[in-house]
Amino acid sequence: MAKPRILILGGGFGGLFTTLDLAGSADVTLVNDDEHFLFTPMLYEYLSGEVEAWHIAPRFNELLNENDVRLIRDEVASIDLDAKQVTLKSHKDPLDFDVLVLSVGGVTNHAGVEGAEQYTIPFRKIAHADALRRRMVEALDRIPPDMPPQDVRRELTFVVVGAGASGCELSTKMADLLLDAVKRRALQGEPRVLVFEMSDRVVPGMGEQIREFVEAALREAHVEVNTLTRVVKVTGDTVTYEHGGNLEELKTAGVVWLGGVKMRPLVEQLNVEKTSRGLIKIRPTLQLAQHDNVFALGDIACCPPADATLPGTAQLALQEANLAADNIKALLSGNELKTKHFEELGEALSLGTERAAVLLAGGKAFGGAMARQARFALYTARLPTWHHRLRVGASWFLGGKEPRPLLPLGMER
């Protein structure tokens, strides 16, 4: 008897961990447009040089046994749920499936803001972190030693759009790196990092306990927080924003866009039931309402019962992956499928190069240097595969994890 064909689209947390749980139990194929998995919660530490690329972006062929999983690096062109076929952009022949897992993730949502897609830097991949680090170094390299403090401040003005967890983590990291570089280069004045947030608070999806640590870290890093503020236009060296009905233009060395995600055209084109936000409606078993053999998880799916802090997080995708794999096995064996309430397992935010904030499963939070160490420990346990966890854990806890200064461009590695 031929093994059931399971096709998994997307190699993020949901897709990879579903694949790991199903590997060897069926004819499993994973399709992803990159050859690397990315542990996105630590992309901020990669920016600062506290971790290396191989720590958080291992190759799929290092994580998966080619005898258990077929890996295809390609982009999905179309999905025919009725014909049970997926067409890829580069591969000639379509892929047939018995069970399909949709975990393609979202894309950056520029919300129609003029110039945002063209001039801002996203922060979702290793290449984005490399581009942002290079932008900061280039801005520093343009400043002569005798430039007046107010001009240094103007030339080193960076804006982060969005004050969710990602915006707060990135802005504090940038502020620490830039201030350290200014001191090392004996420049006058300070850099300026601003965060623009449309709601009335930072980390709006998190509780008050962890918000207190986040706000304290933003103050210590001298990050300027602007709530109830909306970006209306971005150019190559300016950002225009609206607050309280007033428009202001600010000269910037760079704008990083963390203003949320939206559905990919691939998902938008699927003829399935969706929410008003375009999310795919799924049952508590993670199956599509109209297709028992199709599962959806991560950013593209309407979240089943879960704690309020979980939607959009990597740990939700991890928990969904475990349930999806169990239910796919149950479906193929004719057993009853399960449901689950997804719970907060603890979250850790990196808040600069020396601080962090950790939210424990019970709802308590703590911050500071100890929280930074706890963050590394927590995320070591969540890395894919035991051998990768072992290698990375040894590197972090034996070899150190100090930040890498923003050196002149010719000295950057």
Protein backbone atom coordinates (compact mmCIF):
# COMPACT_ATOMS: atom_id res chain seq x y z
CA MET A 1 0.00 0.00 0.00
CA ALA A 2 1.28 3.47 -0.92
CA LYS A 3 1.81 5.81 1.99
CA PRO A 4 -0.58 8.77 2.29
CA ARG A 5 0.80 11.91 0.66
CA ILE A 6 1.07 14.81 3.12
CA LEU A 7 2.00 18.16 1.60
CA ILE A 8 3.09 20.97 3.93
CA LEU A 9 3.32 24.50 2.53
CA GLY A 10 5.56 26.85 4.51
CA GLY A 11 8.59 26.13 6.65
CA GLY A 12 8.00 28.51 9.53
CA PHE A 13 7.23 27.33 13.06
CA GLY A 14 3.91 25.74 12.16
CA GLY A 15 5.12 24.06 8.98
CA LEU A 16 8.50 22.83 10.24
CA PHE A 17 7.32 21.44 13.56
CA THR A 18 4.35 19.71 11.90
CA THR A 19 6.84 18.19 9.47
CA LEU A 20 9.12 17.04 12.29
CA ASP A 21 6.21 15.33 14.05
CA LEU A 22 5.04 13.58 10.86
CA ALA A 23 8.42 12.66 9.36
CA GLY A 24 8.63 8.97 8.58
CA SER A 25 4.94 8.28 9.24
CA ALA A 26 3.80 9.02 5.68
CA ASP A 27 5.00 10.38 2.33
CA VAL A 28 5.78 13.90 3.62
CA THR A 29 6.77 16.83 1.38
CA LEU A 30 7.72 20.28 2.71
CA VAL A 31 7.66 23.24 0.31
CA ASN A 32 9.35 26.49 1.29
CA ASP A 33 10.80 29.39 -0.69
CA ASP A 34 14.00 29.51 1.38
CA GLU A 35 16.50 26.80 2.26
CA HIS A 36 16.68 27.99 5.88
CA PHE A 37 14.29 27.80 8.80
CA LEU A 38 14.30 31.04 10.82
CA PHE A 39 13.81 31.22 14.57
CA THR A 40 12.29 34.68 14.28
CA PRO A 41 12.03 35.53 18.03
CA MET A 42 15.84 35.87 18.09
CA LEU A 43 16.28 37.92 14.92
CA TYR A 44 16.89 40.91 17.22
CA GLU A 45 19.90 39.17 18.78
CA TYR A 46 21.19 38.40 15.30
CA LEU A 47 21.01 42.12 14.48
CA SER A 48 23.11 42.92 17.53
CA GLY A 49 25.56 40.07 16.96
CA GLU A 50 24.62 38.26 20.17
CA VAL A 51 23.83 35.16 18.11
CA GLU A 52 25.11 33.93 14.76
CA ALA A 53 23.11 33.05 11.68
CA TRP A 54 23.58 29.29 12.06
CA HIS A 55 22.14 29.47 15.57
CA ILE A 56 18.75 30.75 14.44
CA ALA A 57 18.67 29.95 10.71
CA PRO A 58 19.71 26.30 10.24
CA ARG A 59 19.22 24.71 6.82
CA PHE A 60 16.20 22.46 6.46
CA ASN A 61 18.40 19.64 5.21
CA GLU A 62 20.28 19.79 8.53
CA LEU A 63 17.05 19.45 10.49
CA LEU A 64 15.21 16.87 8.39
CA ASN A 65 16.24 13.41 7.20
CA GLU A 66 15.90 13.29 3.42
CA ASN A 67 14.73 9.68 3.71
CA ASP A 68 11.76 10.81 5.81
CA VAL A 69 10.87 14.14 4.16
CA ARG A 70 11.06 15.44 0.61
CA LEU A 71 12.25 19.05 0.58
CA ILE A 72 11.31 21.37 -2.28
CA ARG A 73 12.59 24.94 -2.44
CA ASP A 74 10.03 26.81 -4.51
CA GLU A 75 7.11 29.21 -4.33
CA VAL A 76 3.50 28.10 -4.53
CA ALA A 77 1.71 29.38 -7.63
CA SER A 78 -1.79 28.01 -6.98
CA ILE A 79 -3.78 25.58 -4.85
CA ASP A 80 -6.69 23.46 -6.09
CA LEU A 81 -8.35 22.02 -3.01
CA ASP A 82 -10.96 20.04 -4.96
CA ALA A 83 -8.42 18.42 -7.29
CA LYS A 84 -5.99 17.97 -4.39
CA GLN A 85 -3.15 19.57 -6.32
CA VAL A 86 -0.63 22.35 -5.73
CA THR A 87 1.20 24.06 -8.57
CA LEU A 88 4.67 25.50 -7.98
CA LYS A 89 6.32 28.38 -9.84
CA SER A 90 9.49 26.56 -10.92
CA HIS A 91 8.56 22.88 -10.87
CA LYS A 92 6.83 21.68 -14.02
CA ASP A 93 4.62 18.98 -12.53
CA PRO A 94 1.97 19.77 -9.91
CA LEU A 95 2.10 18.10 -6.51
CA ASP A 96 -0.76 15.77 -5.53
CA PHE A 97 -1.76 15.40 -1.90
CA ASP A 98 -4.04 13.41 0.34
CA VAL A 99 -3.59 15.82 3.25
CA LEU A 100 -2.57 19.47 2.93
CA VAL A 101 -1.15 21.74 5.65
CA LEU A 102 -1.31 25.47 4.99
CA SER A 103 1.30 27.35 7.02
CA VAL A 104 2.58 29.96 4.59
CA GLY A 105 2.45 32.89 7.00
CA GLY A 106 1.57 36.47 6.22
CA VAL A 107 3.45 39.30 4.54
CA THR A 108 4.29 42.81 5.72
CA ASN A 109 1.25 45.07 5.79
CA HIS A 110 2.16 48.60 4.69
CA ALA A 111 -1.49 49.65 5.08
CA GLY A 112 -1.42 51.66 1.87
CA VAL A 113 0.91 54.29 3.35
CA GLU A 114 2.59 56.28 0.59
CA GLY A 115 6.24 55.28 0.13
CA ALA A 116 6.19 52.68 2.92
CA GLU A 117 6.77 49.62 0.74
CA GLN A 118 9.45 51.38 -1.30
CA TYR A 119 11.45 53.16 1.40
CA THR A 120 11.04 51.30 4.69
CA ILE A 121 12.97 48.26 5.89
CA PRO A 122 10.92 45.23 6.95
CA PHE A 123 12.20 42.99 9.72
CA ARG A 124 11.21 39.40 9.00
CA LYS A 125 14.33 37.73 7.58
CA ILE A 126 18.10 37.49 8.05
CA ALA A 127 18.56 39.71 4.98
CA HIS A 128 16.37 42.40 6.59
CA ALA A 129 18.51 42.40 9.74
CA ASP A 130 21.66 42.62 7.61
CA ALA A 131 20.19 45.56 5.69
CA LEU A 132 19.22 47.42 8.87
CA ARG A 133 22.62 46.90 10.48
CA ARG A 134 24.31 48.16 7.32
CA ARG A 135 22.01 51.21 7.28
CA MET A 136 22.99 52.07 10.87
CA VAL A 137 26.70 51.65 10.12
CA GLU A 138 26.46 53.80 6.99
CA ALA A 139 24.73 56.56 8.96
CA LEU A 140 27.48 56.46 11.58
CA ASP A 141 30.22 56.45 8.95
CA ARG A 142 28.91 59.70 7.45
CA ILE A 143 29.40 61.64 10.68
CA PRO A 144 32.71 63.50 11.11
CA PRO A 145 34.22 63.61 14.64
CA ASP A 146 33.62 67.35 15.05
CA MET A 147 29.92 67.38 14.06
CA PRO A 148 27.83 69.33 16.65
CA PRO A 149 25.64 67.25 18.98
CA GLN A 150 22.35 68.48 17.52
CA ASP A 151 23.48 67.51 14.02
CA VAL A 152 24.63 64.09 15.20
CA ARG A 153 21.19 63.58 16.70
CA ARG A 154 19.52 64.58 13.42
CA GLU A 155 21.74 62.35 11.28
CA LEU A 156 21.23 59.36 13.59
CA THR A 157 17.43 59.52 13.78
CA PHE A 158 15.73 56.19 13.16
CA VAL A 159 12.02 55.42 13.30
CA VAL A 160 10.35 52.09 14.13
CA VAL A 161 6.71 51.85 13.08
CA GLY A 162 4.69 49.71 15.47
CA ALA A 163 5.07 49.33 19.24
CA GLY A 164 4.02 45.73 19.58
CA ALA A 165 6.51 43.28 21.05
CA SER A 166 8.58 43.35 17.85
CA GLY A 167 8.77 47.14 17.72
CA CYS A 168 9.79 47.43 21.37
CA GLU A 169 12.41 44.69 21.06
CA LEU A 170 13.90 46.17 17.91
CA SER A 171 13.90 49.81 19.02
CA THR A 172 15.68 49.11 22.31
CA LYS A 173 18.22 46.95 20.53
CA MET A 174 18.89 49.66 17.93
CA ALA A 175 19.15 52.37 20.59
CA ASP A 176 21.73 50.41 22.60
CA LEU A 177 23.81 49.58 19.52
CA LEU A 178 23.79 53.17 18.26
CA LEU A 179 24.63 54.71 21.64
CA ASP A 180 27.52 52.27 22.08
CA ALA A 181 28.82 53.14 18.60
CA VAL A 182 28.62 56.89 19.28
CA LYS A 183 30.69 56.45 22.44
CA ARG A 184 33.24 54.17 20.75
CA ARG A 185 33.71 56.65 17.93
CA ALA A 186 33.94 59.60 20.35
CA LEU A 187 31.12 61.42 18.57
CA GLN A 188 29.23 64.23 20.27
CA GLY A 189 25.59 63.96 21.25
CA GLU A 190 23.30 60.93 21.16
CA PRO A 191 21.38 58.95 18.54
CA ARG A 192 17.61 59.25 18.38
CA VAL A 193 15.25 56.28 18.05
CA LEU A 194 11.50 56.87 17.87
CA VAL A 195 8.59 54.43 17.91
CA PHE A 196 5.25 55.33 16.32
CA GLU A 197 2.20 53.39 17.51
CA MET A 198 -1.42 53.91 16.45
CA SER A 199 -2.94 52.59 19.70
CA ASP A 200 -2.71 54.26 23.09
CA ARG A 201 -0.05 51.94 24.60
CA VAL A 202 2.99 49.83 23.84
CA VAL A 203 2.71 46.02 23.53
CA PRO A 204 -1.10 46.35 23.34
CA GLY A 205 -1.58 42.58 23.17
CA MET A 206 0.24 41.90 26.45
CA GLY A 207 -0.67 42.29 30.10
CA GLU A 208 0.18 45.11 32.47
CA GLN A 209 2.90 43.21 34.35
CA ILE A 210 5.18 42.76 31.37
CA ARG A 211 4.25 46.18 29.96
CA GLU A 212 5.82 47.82 33.04
CA PHE A 213 9.18 46.19 32.23
CA VAL A 214 8.88 47.11 28.56
CA GLU A 215 8.13 50.76 29.32
CA ALA A 216 11.03 50.93 31.78
CA ALA A 217 13.40 49.45 29.20
CA LEU A 218 12.25 51.94 26.55
CA ARG A 219 12.95 54.80 28.96
CA GLU A 220 16.39 53.45 29.91
CA ALA A 221 17.30 53.08 26.23
CA HIS A 222 16.10 56.67 25.56
CA VAL A 223 13.60 55.45 22.96
CA GLU A 224 10.96 58.08 22.24
CA VAL A 225 7.51 56.48 22.25
CA ASN A 226 4.75 58.21 20.28
CA THR A 227 1.34 56.60 20.80
CA LEU A 228 -1.88 57.55 18.99
CA THR A 229 0.40 58.40 16.09
CA ARG A 230 -0.09 57.40 12.46
CA VAL A 231 2.49 57.41 9.67
CA VAL A 232 1.07 58.91 6.48
CA LYS A 233 4.08 59.13 4.15
CA VAL A 234 7.66 57.89 3.88
CA THR A 235 10.41 59.08 1.52
CA GLY A 236 14.05 58.16 1.17
CA ASP A 237 15.04 60.38 4.10
CA THR A 238 11.84 61.61 5.78
CA VAL A 239 8.72 60.32 7.49
CA THR A 240 5.48 62.28 7.81
CA TYR A 241 3.22 61.40 10.72
CA GLU A 242 -0.08 62.59 12.18
CA HIS A 243 -0.80 63.07 15.87
CA GLY A 244 -3.76 64.90 17.36
CA GLY A 245 -4.81 66.14 13.93
CA ASN A 246 -1.40 67.72 13.23
CA LEU A 247 1.01 66.60 10.50
CA GLU A 248 4.75 66.73 11.05
CA GLU A 249 7.71 65.75 8.86
CA LEU A 250 10.87 64.27 10.36
CA LYS A 251 14.24 63.72 8.71
CA THR A 252 15.39 60.12 9.22
CA ALA A 253 18.35 57.87 8.50
CA GLY A 254 15.99 54.92 8.21
CA VAL A 255 12.46 53.70 8.90
CA VAL A 256 11.76 50.12 9.95
CA TRP A 257 8.22 48.87 9.33
CA LEU A 258 6.68 46.57 11.92
CA GLY A 259 3.09 47.62 11.36
CA GLY A 260 1.55 44.16 11.23
CA VAL A 261 0.94 41.49 8.61
CA LYS A 262 -1.64 40.79 5.93
CA MET A 263 -2.65 37.75 3.95
CA ARG A 264 -0.64 36.61 0.95
CA PRO A 265 -2.38 36.81 -2.45
CA LEU A 266 -2.19 33.00 -2.46
CA VAL A 267 -4.43 32.87 0.61
CA GLU A 268 -6.68 35.69 -0.59
CA GLN A 269 -7.40 33.69 -3.77
CA LEU A 270 -8.45 30.53 -1.92
CA ASN A 271 -12.18 29.93 -2.23
CA VAL A 272 -12.73 29.03 1.43
CA GLU A 273 -14.62 30.58 4.31
CA LYS A 274 -12.76 33.51 5.88
CA THR A 275 -13.17 36.14 8.56
CA SER A 276 -13.64 39.85 7.88
CA ARG A 277 -9.84 40.21 8.23
CA GLY A 278 -9.23 37.58 5.56
CA LEU A 279 -8.14 34.83 7.97
CA ILE A 280 -9.09 31.28 7.03
CA LYS A 281 -11.86 29.95 9.27
CA ILE A 282 -10.87 26.67 10.88
CA ARG A 283 -12.47 24.22 13.29
CA PRO A 284 -10.97 23.62 16.74
CA THR A 285 -9.29 20.58 15.14
CA LEU A 286 -7.46 23.03 12.78
CA GLN A 287 -9.31 21.61 9.74
CA LEU A 288 -10.99 23.84 7.18
CA ALA A 289 -14.76 23.83 7.48
CA GLN A 290 -15.27 22.58 3.91
CA HIS A 291 -12.25 20.27 3.62
CA ASP A 292 -11.52 17.60 6.22
CA ASN A 293 -8.12 16.88 4.64
CA VAL A 294 -6.85 20.48 4.78
CA PHE A 295 -5.36 22.01 7.92
CA ALA A 296 -4.39 25.67 8.43
CA LEU A 297 -2.29 27.21 11.20
CA GLY A 298 -0.25 30.25 12.11
CA ASP A 299 -0.84 33.80 10.92
CA ILE A 300 -3.25 32.85 8.10
CA ALA A 301 -5.77 31.01 10.29
CA CYS A 302 -8.46 32.29 12.62
CA CYS A 303 -7.12 31.27 15.99
CA PRO A 304 -9.05 28.50 17.78
CA PRO A 305 -9.57 28.76 21.58
CA ALA A 306 -6.40 30.30 23.00
CA ASP A 307 -5.16 32.70 25.66
CA ALA A 308 -5.51 36.33 24.60
CA THR A 309 -1.74 36.93 24.40
CA LEU A 310 -1.08 34.14 21.87
CA PRO A 311 -2.44 35.17 18.42
CA GLY A 312 0.40 35.98 16.04
CA THR A 313 3.12 34.42 18.21
CA ALA A 314 5.59 31.66 17.43
CA GLN A 315 4.55 29.67 20.48
CA LEU A 316 0.96 29.46 19.22
CA ALA A 317 2.22 28.08 15.90
CA LEU A 318 4.32 25.56 17.86
CA GLN A 319 1.30 24.36 19.83
CA GLU A 320 -0.83 24.24 16.70
CA ALA A 321 1.82 22.18 14.91
CA ASN A 322 1.69 19.52 17.61
CA LEU A 323 -2.11 19.32 17.42
CA ALA A 324 -2.09 19.34 13.61
CA ALA A 325 0.36 16.44 13.45
CA ASP A 326 -1.65 14.41 15.98
CA ASN A 327 -4.89 15.07 14.13
CA ILE A 328 -3.43 14.22 10.73
CA LYS A 329 -2.29 10.86 12.12
CA ALA A 330 -5.75 10.36 13.61
CA LEU A 331 -7.46 11.29 10.34
CA LEU A 332 -5.35 8.84 8.34
CA SER A 333 -5.89 6.03 10.84
CA GLY A 334 -9.63 6.63 11.21
CA ASN A 335 -9.43 7.74 14.84
CA GLU A 336 -11.17 10.65 16.54
CA LEU A 337 -9.52 14.05 16.14
CA LYS A 338 -8.67 16.16 19.19
CA THR A 339 -9.15 19.79 20.17
CA LYS A 340 -7.07 21.88 22.54
CA HIS A 341 -7.14 25.18 24.36
CA PHE A 342 -3.79 26.80 23.64
CA GLU A 343 -2.23 28.27 26.75
CA GLU A 344 0.45 30.86 27.45
CA LEU A 345 3.64 28.87 28.04
CA GLY A 346 5.79 31.88 28.83
CA GLU A 347 7.19 34.63 26.65
CA ALA A 348 10.49 36.47 26.67
CA LEU A 349 11.23 39.86 25.11
CA SER A 350 14.72 41.10 24.31
CA LEU A 351 14.90 44.74 25.42
CA GLY A 352 18.31 46.02 24.38
CA THR A 353 21.69 44.36 24.62
CA GLU A 354 21.64 43.91 28.40
CA ARG A 355 17.97 43.59 29.36
CA ALA A 356 14.95 41.41 28.73
CA ALA A 357 11.51 40.77 30.17
CA VAL A 358 10.07 37.32 30.78
CA LEU A 359 6.40 36.46 31.19
CA LEU A 360 5.99 33.16 33.02
CA ALA A 361 3.21 30.67 32.31
CA GLY A 362 1.45 31.68 35.54
CA GLY A 363 1.23 35.31 34.43
CA LYS A 364 4.10 36.70 36.53
CA ALA A 365 6.84 38.75 34.86
CA PHE A 366 10.38 39.76 35.70
CA GLY A 367 13.04 41.76 33.90
CA GLY A 368 16.67 42.81 33.80
CA ALA A 369 19.92 40.95 33.14
CA MET A 370 18.61 37.73 34.72
CA ALA A 371 15.67 37.80 32.33
CA ARG A 372 18.13 38.03 29.44
CA GLN A 373 19.75 34.78 30.57
CA ALA A 374 16.33 33.19 31.05
CA ARG A 375 15.38 34.19 27.52
CA PHE A 376 18.34 32.31 26.07
CA ALA A 377 17.48 29.26 28.18
CA LEU A 378 13.79 29.38 27.22
CA TYR A 379 14.50 29.68 23.51
CA THR A 380 17.20 27.02 23.55
CA ALA A 381 14.47 24.59 24.57
CA ARG A 382 12.24 25.72 21.68
CA LEU A 383 14.80 25.34 18.89
CA PRO A 384 14.03 22.56 16.39
CA THR A 385 15.59 19.09 16.91
CA TRP A 386 17.61 17.95 19.90
CA HIS A 387 20.95 17.98 18.08
CA HIS A 388 20.49 21.62 17.00
CA ARG A 389 19.49 22.57 20.55
CA LEU A 390 22.60 20.85 21.86
CA ARG A 391 24.96 22.63 19.45
CA VAL A 392 23.42 26.06 19.95
CA GLY A 393 23.08 25.66 23.71
CA ALA A 394 26.75 24.79 23.99
CA SER A 395 27.68 27.80 21.88
CA TRP A 396 25.56 30.21 23.93
CA PHE A 397 26.41 29.01 27.39
CA LEU A 398 30.07 28.08 26.85
CA GLY A 399 31.18 30.47 24.13
CA GLY A 400 29.32 33.59 25.26
CA LYS A 401 26.77 35.82 23.60
CA GLU A 402 28.02 39.39 23.81
CA PRO A 403 26.80 41.99 21.30
CA ARG A 404 28.96 42.91 18.31
CA PRO A 405 29.68 46.69 18.03
CA LEU A 406 28.65 48.69 14.97
CA LEU A 407 32.11 49.01 13.45
CA PRO A 408 32.98 51.06 10.36
CA LEU A 409 31.72 49.42 7.18
CA GLY A 410 35.13 48.09 6.11
CA MET A 411 35.53 46.36 9.50
CA GLU A 412 32.05 44.80 9.64
CA ARG A 413 32.02 41.05 9.06
